[in-house]
Amino acid sequence: MISVGGVAIGNFKKDFSLDGEVLPVEFVTMNCVEKQLYQLYFPHEGKTIRIHMQRDQNGDFKIMGDKVCPARYLPLEAEFDAAIKNY
């Protein structure tokens, strides 16, 4: 983990609720200097999948490649965005 201007940029884990189940998500930063791109890892159908979230021109983190991310997780995009911003 690296501290830039007093703000720690690093990896973290957070649980989310989806259809009454707990979804544990690991957020892995791809840029140690600023919050820009994260890989998210979580269980799906007995495997661990990875999706990417990238900061857009408005400063919001969006799921990249919605065809890569299973549709059931797309509604969590705003919660994932908030988790990154609040970390």
Protein backbone atom coordinates (compact mmCIF):
# COMPACT_ATOMS: atom_id res chain seq x y z
CA MET A 1 0.00 0.00 0.00
CA ILE A 2 1.27 3.46 -0.87
CA SER A 3 0.27 6.70 0.76
CA VAL A 4 -0.14 9.69 -1.55
CA GLY A 5 -0.90 13.02 0.07
CA GLY A 6 -2.00 11.23 3.23
CA VAL A 7 -4.49 9.00 1.38
CA ALA A 8 -3.74 5.27 1.28
CA ILE A 9 -4.25 3.66 -2.13
CA GLY A 10 -4.54 -0.09 -1.88
CA ASN A 11 -6.56 -3.26 -2.04
CA PHE A 12 -9.55 -4.01 0.17
CA LYS A 13 -12.43 -6.44 0.68
CA LYS A 14 -16.10 -5.68 1.22
CA ASP A 15 -19.28 -7.74 1.44
CA PHE A 16 -22.40 -6.82 -0.54
CA SER A 17 -25.96 -8.10 -0.38
CA LEU A 18 -27.39 -9.60 -3.56
CA ASP A 19 -30.75 -11.38 -3.66
CA GLY A 20 -30.55 -12.01 0.09
CA GLU A 21 -27.08 -13.54 -0.12
CA VAL A 22 -23.72 -12.16 0.94
CA LEU A 23 -21.34 -11.49 -1.95
CA PRO A 24 -17.72 -11.09 -0.79
CA VAL A 25 -15.78 -8.87 -3.20
CA GLU A 26 -12.04 -8.24 -3.33
CA PHE A 27 -11.00 -4.89 -4.84
CA VAL A 28 -7.49 -4.87 -6.31
CA THR A 29 -6.08 -1.53 -7.44
CA MET A 30 -4.20 -1.35 -10.73
CA ASN A 31 -2.76 2.08 -9.97
CA CYS A 32 -0.92 2.69 -6.71
CA VAL A 33 -0.76 6.47 -7.21
CA GLU A 34 -4.44 7.31 -7.74
CA LYS A 35 -7.83 5.62 -7.78
CA GLN A 36 -8.30 4.92 -11.47
CA LEU A 37 -8.76 1.23 -12.26
CA TYR A 38 -9.73 -1.70 -10.06
CA GLN A 39 -10.12 -5.40 -10.67
CA LEU A 40 -12.94 -6.94 -8.64
CA TYR A 41 -12.90 -10.64 -7.76
CA PHE A 42 -15.93 -12.54 -6.46
CA PRO A 43 -17.53 -15.99 -6.57
CA HIS A 44 -19.88 -16.89 -9.41
CA GLU A 45 -21.19 -20.38 -10.19
CA GLY A 46 -18.47 -22.13 -8.20
CA LYS A 47 -15.60 -20.11 -9.69
CA THR A 48 -13.94 -16.79 -8.96
CA ILE A 49 -14.57 -14.23 -11.69
CA ARG A 50 -12.86 -10.91 -12.35
CA ILE A 51 -14.40 -7.70 -13.64
CA HIS A 52 -12.83 -4.29 -14.19
CA MET A 53 -14.06 -0.94 -12.93
CA GLN A 54 -12.54 2.22 -14.35
CA ARG A 55 -13.00 5.86 -13.42
CA ASP A 56 -14.77 7.87 -16.13
CA GLN A 57 -14.46 11.58 -16.97
CA ASN A 58 -17.01 12.40 -14.22
CA GLY A 59 -14.99 10.59 -11.58
CA ASP A 60 -17.41 7.67 -11.30
CA PHE A 61 -16.27 4.06 -11.44
CA LYS A 62 -18.05 2.04 -14.12
CA ILE A 63 -17.99 -1.64 -14.95
CA MET A 64 -15.96 -2.07 -18.12
CA GLY A 65 -17.12 -4.69 -20.61
CA ASP A 66 -20.67 -5.31 -19.47
CA LYS A 67 -20.68 -8.42 -21.65
CA VAL A 68 -17.90 -9.81 -19.43
CA CYS A 69 -19.78 -9.11 -16.19
CA PRO A 70 -22.71 -11.47 -15.56
CA ALA A 71 -25.96 -9.47 -15.73
CA ARG A 72 -27.02 -10.27 -12.15
CA TYR A 73 -24.11 -8.15 -10.81
CA LEU A 74 -24.66 -5.06 -12.98
CA PRO A 75 -27.15 -3.52 -10.50
CA LEU A 76 -24.32 -3.41 -7.92
CA GLU A 77 -22.28 -0.98 -10.04
CA ALA A 78 -23.25 2.07 -7.94
CA GLU A 79 -22.46 0.21 -4.70
CA PHE A 80 -19.07 -0.89 -6.06
CA ASP A 81 -18.41 2.73 -7.11
CA ALA A 82 -19.27 3.99 -3.62
CA ALA A 83 -17.06 1.36 -1.99
CA ILE A 84 -14.06 2.48 -4.05
CA LYS A 85 -14.69 6.17 -3.42
CA ASN A 86 -15.18 5.65 0.32
CA TYR A 87 -12.16 3.41 0.83
